């Protein structure tokens, strides 16, 4: 999987894009800090992470292992569970 990571330090927001070629359809808010974007074909095209500087809860995220690797490589903490 070839994901692209973007981080905006002013907003403390990150976006991990998994598929730049599929048209956006809708979003699903997992909670106040995690949003999953879906394409018109039902595939996951990206994940928005708010406040990743506080750590990112992996539970319930698609591609959690890949996201964990990307976060670690970018200097962010991945949390297996809340708390």
PDB file of N, CA and C in Angstrom:
ATOM      1  N   UNK A   1       0.852  -1.173   0.000  1.00  0.00           N
ATOM      2  CA  UNK A   1       0.000   0.000   0.000  1.00  0.00           C
ATOM      3  C   UNK A   1       0.899   1.237   0.000  1.00  0.00           C
ATOM      4  N   UNK A   2       0.585   2.177  -0.860  1.00  0.00           N
ATOM      5  CA  UNK A   2       1.387   3.389  -0.986  1.00  0.00           C
ATOM      6  C   UNK A   2       0.556   4.578  -0.521  1.00  0.00           C
ATOM      7  N   UNK A   3       0.594   4.857   0.771  1.00  0.00           N
ATOM      8  CA  UNK A   3      -0.193   5.942   1.342  1.00  0.00           C
ATOM      9  C   UNK A   3       0.621   7.222   1.387  1.00  0.00           C
ATOM     10  N   UNK A   4      -0.082   8.344   1.331  1.00  0.00           N
ATOM     11  CA  UNK A   4       0.562   9.656   1.420  1.00  0.00           C
ATOM     12  C   UNK A   4       0.116  10.332   2.717  1.00  0.00           C
ATOM     13  N   UNK A   5       1.073  10.873   3.478  1.00  0.00           N
ATOM     14  CA  UNK A   5       0.814  11.503   4.765  1.00  0.00           C
ATOM     15  C   UNK A   5       1.013  13.007   4.662  1.00  0.00           C
ATOM     16  N   UNK A   6       0.042  13.763   5.148  1.00  0.00           N
ATOM     17  CA  UNK A   6       0.149  15.220   5.218  1.00  0.00           C
ATOM     18  C   UNK A   6      -0.183  15.648   6.633  1.00  0.00           C
ATOM     19  N   UNK A   7       0.578  16.636   7.149  1.00  0.00           N
ATOM     20  CA  UNK A   7       0.327  17.137   8.495  1.00  0.00           C
ATOM     21  C   UNK A   7       0.346  18.656   8.477  1.00  0.00           C
ATOM     22  N   UNK A   8      -0.644  19.272   9.115  1.00  0.00           N
ATOM     23  CA  UNK A   8      -0.726  20.712   9.276  1.00  0.00           C
ATOM     24  C   UNK A   8      -0.497  21.023  10.752  1.00  0.00           C
ATOM     25  N   UNK A   9       0.699  21.507  11.113  1.00  0.00           N
ATOM     26  CA  UNK A   9       0.994  21.747  12.520  1.00  0.00           C
ATOM     27  C   UNK A   9       0.150  22.868  13.139  1.00  0.00           C
ATOM     28  N   UNK A  10      -0.271  23.838  12.351  1.00  0.00           N
ATOM     29  CA  UNK A  10      -1.100  24.923  12.904  1.00  0.00           C
ATOM     30  C   UNK A  10      -2.458  24.406  13.361  1.00  0.00           C
ATOM     31  N   UNK A  11      -3.001  23.461  12.625  1.00  0.00           N
ATOM     32  CA  UNK A  11      -4.299  22.884  12.980  1.00  0.00           C
ATOM     33  C   UNK A  11      -4.156  21.620  13.817  1.00  0.00           C
ATOM     34  N   UNK A  12      -2.928  21.109  13.928  1.00  0.00           N
ATOM     35  CA  UNK A  12      -2.655  19.805  14.540  1.00  0.00           C
ATOM     36  C   UNK A  12      -3.610  18.770  13.935  1.00  0.00           C
ATOM     37  N   UNK A  13      -3.567  18.687  12.602  1.00  0.00           N
ATOM     38  CA  UNK A  13      -4.427  17.761  11.860  1.00  0.00           C
ATOM     39  C   UNK A  13      -3.586  17.041  10.808  1.00  0.00           C
ATOM     40  N   UNK A  14      -3.894  15.765  10.634  1.00  0.00           N
ATOM     41  CA  UNK A  14      -3.174  14.952   9.656  1.00  0.00           C
ATOM     42  C   UNK A  14      -4.174  14.281   8.724  1.00  0.00           C
ATOM     43  N   UNK A  15      -3.702  13.988   7.513  1.00  0.00           N
ATOM     44  CA  UNK A  15      -4.519  13.243   6.562  1.00  0.00           C
ATOM     45  C   UNK A  15      -3.641  12.171   5.942  1.00  0.00           C
ATOM     46  N   UNK A  16      -4.150  10.960   5.952  1.00  0.00           N
ATOM     47  CA  UNK A  16      -3.461   9.846   5.303  1.00  0.00           C
ATOM     48  C   UNK A  16      -4.319   9.430   4.124  1.00  0.00           C
ATOM     49  N   UNK A  17      -3.764   9.618   2.930  1.00  0.00           N
ATOM     50  CA  UNK A  17      -4.498   9.308   1.699  1.00  0.00           C
ATOM     51  C   UNK A  17      -4.052   7.949   1.172  1.00  0.00           C
ATOM     52  N   UNK A  18      -5.021   7.078   0.971  1.00  0.00           N
ATOM     53  CA  UNK A  18      -4.740   5.736   0.471  1.00  0.00           C
ATOM     54  C   UNK A  18      -5.029   5.589  -1.012  1.00  0.00           C
ATOM     55  N   UNK A  19      -5.924   6.418  -1.538  1.00  0.00           N
ATOM     56  CA  UNK A  19      -6.329   6.290  -2.945  1.00  0.00           C
ATOM     57  C   UNK A  19      -6.675   7.667  -3.483  1.00  0.00           C
ATOM     58  N   UNK A  20      -5.793   8.248  -4.271  1.00  0.00           N
ATOM     59  CA  UNK A  20      -6.028   9.587  -4.815  1.00  0.00           C
ATOM     60  C   UNK A  20      -6.822   9.557  -6.116  1.00  0.00           C
ATOM     61  N   UNK A  21      -7.064   8.385  -6.649  1.00  0.00           N
ATOM     62  CA  UNK A  21      -7.714   8.267  -7.956  1.00  0.00           C
ATOM     63  C   UNK A  21      -9.208   8.006  -7.900  1.00  0.00           C
ATOM     64  N   UNK A  22      -9.736   7.723  -6.713  1.00  0.00           N
ATOM     65  CA  UNK A  22     -11.160   7.418  -6.593  1.00  0.00           C
ATOM     66  C   UNK A  22     -11.916   8.654  -6.122  1.00  0.00           C
ATOM     67  N   UNK A  23     -13.025   8.931  -6.751  1.00  0.00           N
ATOM     68  CA  UNK A  23     -13.843  10.088  -6.405  1.00  0.00           C
ATOM     69  C   UNK A  23     -14.447   9.930  -5.010  1.00  0.00           C
ATOM     70  N   UNK A  24     -14.432  11.016  -4.236  1.00  0.00           N
ATOM     71  CA  UNK A  24     -14.983  11.041  -2.882  1.00  0.00           C
ATOM     72  C   UNK A  24     -16.493  10.856  -2.919  1.00  0.00           C
ATOM     73  N   UNK A  25     -17.011  10.081  -1.944  1.00  0.00           N
ATOM     74  CA  UNK A  25     -18.446   9.885  -1.808  1.00  0.00           C
ATOM     75  C   UNK A  25     -18.977  10.432  -0.486  1.00  0.00           C
ATOM     76  N   UNK A  26     -18.400   9.957   0.629  1.00  0.00           N
ATOM     77  CA  UNK A  26     -18.913  10.368   1.938  1.00  0.00           C
ATOM     78  C   UNK A  26     -17.871  10.120   3.035  1.00  0.00           C
ATOM     79  N   UNK A  27     -18.164  10.654   4.222  1.00  0.00           N
ATOM     80  CA  UNK A  27     -17.301  10.482   5.390  1.00  0.00           C
ATOM     81  C   UNK A  27     -18.064   9.770   6.490  1.00  0.00           C
ATOM     82  N   UNK A  28     -17.291   9.074   7.335  1.00  0.00           N
ATOM     83  CA  UNK A  28     -17.851   8.483   8.546  1.00  0.00           C
ATOM     84  C   UNK A  28     -16.989   8.967   9.710  1.00  0.00           C
ATOM     85  N   UNK A  29     -17.628   9.661  10.656  1.00  0.00           N
ATOM     86  CA  UNK A  29     -16.930  10.122  11.850  1.00  0.00           C
ATOM     87  C   UNK A  29     -16.873   8.982  12.856  1.00  0.00           C
ATOM     88  N   UNK A  30     -15.673   8.527  13.171  1.00  0.00           N
ATOM     89  CA  UNK A  30     -15.526   7.486  14.173  1.00  0.00           C
ATOM     90  C   UNK A  30     -15.662   8.066  15.573  1.00  0.00           C
ATOM     91  N   UNK A  31     -15.189   9.291  15.739  1.00  0.00           N
ATOM     92  CA  UNK A  31     -15.304  10.034  16.990  1.00  0.00           C
ATOM     93  C   UNK A  31     -14.912  11.474  16.691  1.00  0.00           C
ATOM     94  N   UNK A  32     -14.641  12.275  17.714  1.00  0.00           N
ATOM     95  CA  UNK A  32     -14.335  13.695  17.506  1.00  0.00           C
ATOM     96  C   UNK A  32     -12.996  13.948  16.828  1.00  0.00           C
ATOM     97  N   UNK A  33     -12.135  12.932  16.763  1.00  0.00           N
ATOM     98  CA  UNK A  33     -10.802  13.172  16.216  1.00  0.00           C
ATOM     99  C   UNK A  33     -10.420  12.247  15.061  1.00  0.00           C
ATOM    100  N   UNK A  34     -11.347  11.398  14.599  1.00  0.00           N
ATOM    101  CA  UNK A  34     -11.013  10.467  13.516  1.00  0.00           C
ATOM    102  C   UNK A  34     -12.166  10.368  12.523  1.00  0.00           C
ATOM    103  N   UNK A  35     -11.837  10.600  11.250  1.00  0.00           N
ATOM    104  CA  UNK A  35     -12.831  10.571  10.178  1.00  0.00           C
ATOM    105  C   UNK A  35     -12.296   9.706   9.043  1.00  0.00           C
ATOM    106  N   UNK A  36     -13.151   8.839   8.509  1.00  0.00           N
ATOM    107  CA  UNK A  36     -12.771   7.977   7.389  1.00  0.00           C
ATOM    108  C   UNK A  36     -13.521   8.451   6.145  1.00  0.00           C
ATOM    109  N   UNK A  37     -12.774   8.684   5.062  1.00  0.00           N
ATOM    110  CA  UNK A  37     -13.360   9.092   3.786  1.00  0.00           C
ATOM    111  C   UNK A  37     -13.518   7.875   2.877  1.00  0.00           C
ATOM    112  N   UNK A  38     -14.678   7.779   2.236  1.00  0.00           N
ATOM    113  CA  UNK A  38     -14.976   6.666   1.332  1.00  0.00           C
ATOM    114  C   UNK A  38     -15.173   7.179  -0.087  1.00  0.00           C
ATOM    115  N   UNK A  39     -14.798   6.357  -1.050  1.00  0.00           N
ATOM    116  CA  UNK A  39     -14.989   6.672  -2.447  1.00  0.00           C
ATOM    117  C   UNK A  39     -16.330   6.181  -2.954  1.00  0.00           C
ATOM    118  N   UNK A  40     -16.657   6.567  -4.180  1.00  0.00           N
ATOM    119  CA  UNK A  40     -17.929   6.184  -4.781  1.00  0.00           C
ATOM    120  C   UNK A  40     -18.060   4.672  -4.950  1.00  0.00           C
ATOM    121  N   UNK A  41     -16.915   3.981  -4.994  1.00  0.00           N
ATOM    122  CA  UNK A  41     -16.955   2.525  -5.136  1.00  0.00           C
ATOM    123  C   UNK A  41     -16.955   1.810  -3.782  1.00  0.00           C
ATOM    124  N   UNK A  42     -17.042   2.579  -2.689  1.00  0.00           N
ATOM    125  CA  UNK A  42     -17.086   1.997  -1.347  1.00  0.00           C
ATOM    126  C   UNK A  42     -15.732   1.785  -0.712  1.00  0.00           C
ATOM    127  N   UNK A  43     -14.652   2.060  -1.448  1.00  0.00           N
ATOM    128  CA  UNK A  43     -13.318   1.862  -0.895  1.00  0.00           C
ATOM    129  C   UNK A  43     -12.937   3.028   0.023  1.00  0.00           C
ATOM    130  N   UNK A  44     -12.015   2.772   0.918  1.00  0.00           N
ATOM    131  CA  UNK A  44     -11.509   3.811   1.811  1.00  0.00           C
ATOM    132  C   UNK A  44     -10.446   4.596   1.055  1.00  0.00           C
ATOM    133  N   UNK A  45     -10.649   5.901   0.967  1.00  0.00           N
ATOM    134  CA  UNK A  45      -9.682   6.717   0.238  1.00  0.00           C
ATOM    135  C   UNK A  45      -8.777   7.514   1.164  1.00  0.00           C
ATOM    136  N   UNK A  46      -9.172   7.690   2.427  1.00  0.00           N
ATOM    137  CA  UNK A  46      -8.316   8.429   3.340  1.00  0.00           C
ATOM    138  C   UNK A  46      -8.857   8.465   4.746  1.00  0.00           C
ATOM    139  N   UNK A  47      -7.977   8.898   5.658  1.00  0.00           N
ATOM    140  CA  UNK A  47      -8.329   9.023   7.066  1.00  0.00           C
ATOM    141  C   UNK A  47      -7.823  10.380   7.561  1.00  0.00           C
ATOM    142  N   UNK A  48      -8.728  11.144   8.170  1.00  0.00           N
ATOM    143  CA  UNK A  48      -8.359  12.422   8.777  1.00  0.00           C
ATOM    144  C   UNK A  48      -8.198  12.214  10.278  1.00  0.00           C
ATOM    145  N   UNK A  49      -7.108  12.745  10.821  1.00  0.00           N
ATOM    146  CA  UNK A  49      -6.803  12.599  12.237  1.00  0.00           C
ATOM    147  C   UNK A  49      -6.616  13.977  12.840  1.00  0.00           C
ATOM    148  N   UNK A  50      -7.466  14.333  13.800  1.00  0.00           N
ATOM    149  CA  UNK A  50      -7.341  15.611  14.473  1.00  0.00           C
ATOM    150  C   UNK A  50      -6.568  15.423  15.762  1.00  0.00           C
ATOM    151  N   UNK A  51      -5.685  16.346  16.053  1.00  0.00           N
ATOM    152  CA  UNK A  51      -4.849  16.336  17.255  1.00  0.00           C
ATOM    153  C   UNK A  51      -3.972  15.087  17.365  1.00  0.00           C
ATOM    154  N   UNK A  52      -3.290  14.699  16.292  1.00  0.00           N
ATOM    155  CA  UNK A  52      -2.436  13.506  16.374  1.00  0.00           C
ATOM    156  C   UNK A  52      -1.257  13.692  17.328  1.00  0.00           C
ATOM    157  N   UNK A  53      -0.936  14.938  17.665  1.00  0.00           N
ATOM    158  CA  UNK A  53       0.128  15.192  18.622  1.00  0.00           C
ATOM    159  C   UNK A  53      -0.170  14.622  20.001  1.00  0.00           C
ATOM    160  N   UNK A  54      -1.440  14.365  20.279  1.00  0.00           N
ATOM    161  CA  UNK A  54      -1.852  13.777  21.556  1.00  0.00           C
ATOM    162  C   UNK A  54      -1.854  12.250  21.498  1.00  0.00           C
ATOM    163  N   UNK A  55      -1.557  11.694  20.335  1.00  0.00           N
ATOM    164  CA  UNK A  55      -1.624  10.247  20.118  1.00  0.00           C
ATOM    165  C   UNK A  55      -2.869   9.910  19.323  1.00  0.00           C
ATOM    166  N   UNK A  56      -2.791   8.849  18.549  1.00  0.00           N
ATOM    167  CA  UNK A  56      -3.900   8.444  17.681  1.00  0.00           C
ATOM    168  C   UNK A  56      -4.391   7.060  18.094  1.00  0.00           C
ATOM    169  N   UNK A  57      -5.670   6.977  18.421  1.00  0.00           N
ATOM    170  CA  UNK A  57      -6.298   5.704  18.768  1.00  0.00           C
ATOM    171  C   UNK A  57      -6.475   4.877  17.500  1.00  0.00           C
ATOM    172  N   UNK A  58      -5.867   3.702  17.470  1.00  0.00           N
ATOM    173  CA  UNK A  58      -5.944   2.832  16.292  1.00  0.00           C
ATOM    174  C   UNK A  58      -7.215   1.994  16.263  1.00  0.00           C
ATOM    175  N   UNK A  59      -7.791   1.721  17.416  1.00  0.00           N
ATOM    176  CA  UNK A  59      -8.964   0.855  17.514  1.00  0.00           C
ATOM    177  C   UNK A  59     -10.082   1.356  16.597  1.00  0.00           C
ATOM    178  N   UNK A  60     -10.518   0.519  15.677  1.00  0.00           N
ATOM    179  CA  UNK A  60     -11.605   0.862  14.769  1.00  0.00           C
ATOM    180  C   UNK A  60     -11.165   1.526  13.480  1.00  0.00           C
ATOM    181  N   UNK A  61      -9.881   1.885  13.363  1.00  0.00           N
ATOM    182  CA  UNK A  61      -9.396   2.495  12.124  1.00  0.00           C
ATOM    183  C   UNK A  61      -9.117   1.433  11.065  1.00  0.00           C
ATOM    184  N   UNK A  62      -9.470   1.719   9.816  1.00  0.00           N
ATOM    185  CA  UNK A  62      -9.070   0.809   8.746  1.00  0.00           C
ATOM    186  C   UNK A  62      -7.558   0.911   8.541  1.00  0.00           C
ATOM    187  N   UNK A  63      -6.963  -0.153   8.079  1.00  0.00           N
ATOM    188  CA  UNK A  63      -5.511  -0.164   7.807  1.00  0.00           C
ATOM    189  C   UNK A  63      -4.700   0.271   9.030  1.00  0.00           C
ATOM    190  N   UNK A  64      -5.109  -0.186  10.216  1.00  0.00           N
ATOM    191  CA  UNK A  64      -4.495   0.257  11.469  1.00  0.00           C
ATOM    192  C   UNK A  64      -2.991   0.005  11.507  1.00  0.00           C
ATOM    193  N   UNK A  65      -2.543  -1.123  11.014  1.00  0.00           N
ATOM    194  CA  UNK A  65      -1.098  -1.407  11.031  1.00  0.00           C
ATOM    195  C   UNK A  65      -0.339  -0.436  10.142  1.00  0.00           C
ATOM    196  N   UNK A  66      -0.858  -0.158   8.972  1.00  0.00           N
ATOM    197  CA  UNK A  66      -0.223   0.787   8.060  1.00  0.00           C
ATOM    198  C   UNK A  66      -0.224   2.194   8.666  1.00  0.00           C
ATOM    199  N   UNK A  67      -1.330   2.591   9.258  1.00  0.00           N
ATOM    200  CA  UNK A  67      -1.414   3.900   9.897  1.00  0.00           C
ATOM    201  C   UNK A  67      -0.412   3.997  11.041  1.00  0.00           C
ATOM    202  N   UNK A  68      -0.285   2.942  11.825  1.00  0.00           N
ATOM    203  CA  UNK A  68       0.684   2.920  12.916  1.00  0.00           C
ATOM    204  C   UNK A  68       2.104   3.133  12.403  1.00  0.00           C
ATOM    205  N   UNK A  69       2.464   2.471  11.323  1.00  0.00           N
ATOM    206  CA  UNK A  69       3.802   2.627  10.730  1.00  0.00           C
ATOM    207  C   UNK A  69       4.023   4.063  10.220  1.00  0.00           C
ATOM    208  N   UNK A  70       3.022   4.604   9.571  1.00  0.00           N
ATOM    209  CA  UNK A  70       3.126   5.959   9.039  1.00  0.00           C
ATOM    210  C   UNK A  70       3.277   6.964  10.181  1.00  0.00           C
ATOM    211  N   UNK A  71       2.479   6.810  11.222  1.00  0.00           N
ATOM    212  CA  UNK A  71       2.568   7.715  12.359  1.00  0.00           C
ATOM    213  C   UNK A  71       3.937   7.640  13.019  1.00  0.00           C
ATOM    214  N   UNK A  72       4.422   6.432  13.249  1.00  0.00           N
ATOM    215  CA  UNK A  72       5.734   6.262  13.883  1.00  0.00           C
ATOM    216  C   UNK A  72       6.837   6.912  13.050  1.00  0.00           C
ATOM    217  N   UNK A  73       6.774   6.735  11.740  1.00  0.00           N
ATOM    218  CA  UNK A  73       7.783   7.311  10.851  1.00  0.00           C
ATOM    219  C   UNK A  73       7.710   8.836  10.831  1.00  0.00           C
ATOM    220  N   UNK A  74       6.552   9.380  11.212  1.00  0.00           N
ATOM    221  CA  UNK A  74       6.350  10.825  11.207  1.00  0.00           C
ATOM    222  C   UNK A  74       6.476  11.433  12.601  1.00  0.00           C
ATOM    223  N   UNK A  75       6.806  10.605  13.591  1.00  0.00           N
ATOM    224  CA  UNK A  75       7.020  11.096  14.950  1.00  0.00           C
ATOM    225  C   UNK A  75       5.795  11.199  15.812  1.00  0.00           C
ATOM    226  N   UNK A  76       4.712  10.502  15.457  1.00  0.00           N
ATOM    227  CA  UNK A  76       3.485  10.528  16.244  1.00  0.00           C
ATOM    228  C   UNK A  76       3.279   9.183  16.939  1.00  0.00           C
ATOM    229  N   UNK A  77       2.557   9.231  18.061  1.00  0.00           N
ATOM    230  CA  UNK A  77       2.263   8.013  18.814  1.00  0.00           C
ATOM    231  C   UNK A  77       0.953   7.387  18.360  1.00  0.00           C
ATOM    232  N   UNK A  78       0.970   6.073  18.236  1.00  0.00           N
ATOM    233  CA  UNK A  78      -0.251   5.324  17.963  1.00  0.00           C
ATOM    234  C   UNK A  78      -0.656   4.630  19.254  1.00  0.00           C
ATOM    235  N   UNK A  79      -1.944   4.717  19.598  1.00  0.00           N
ATOM    236  CA  UNK A  79      -2.469   4.125  20.817  1.00  0.00           C
ATOM    237  C   UNK A  79      -3.366   2.953  20.450  1.00  0.00           C
ATOM    238  N   UNK A  80      -3.118   1.811  21.061  1.00  0.00           N
ATOM    239  CA  UNK A  80      -3.922   0.627  20.759  1.00  0.00           C
ATOM    240  C   UNK A  80      -5.338   0.758  21.311  1.00  0.00           C
ATOM    241  N   UNK A  81      -5.480   1.371  22.493  1.00  0.00           N
ATOM    242  CA  UNK A  81      -6.787   1.533  23.116  1.00  0.00           C
ATOM    243  C   UNK A  81      -6.861   2.915  23.749  1.00  0.00           C
ATOM    244  N   UNK A  82      -8.070   3.364  24.022  1.00  0.00           N
ATOM    245  CA  UNK A  82      -8.266   4.670  24.660  1.00  0.00           C
ATOM    246  C   UNK A  82      -7.753   4.626  26.091  1.00  0.00           C
ATOM    247  N   UNK A  83      -7.282   5.782  26.527  1.00  0.00           N
ATOM    248  CA  UNK A  83      -6.896   5.885  27.933  1.00  0.00           C
ATOM    249  C   UNK A  83      -5.501   6.115  28.145  1.00  0.00           C
TER     250      UNK A  83
END
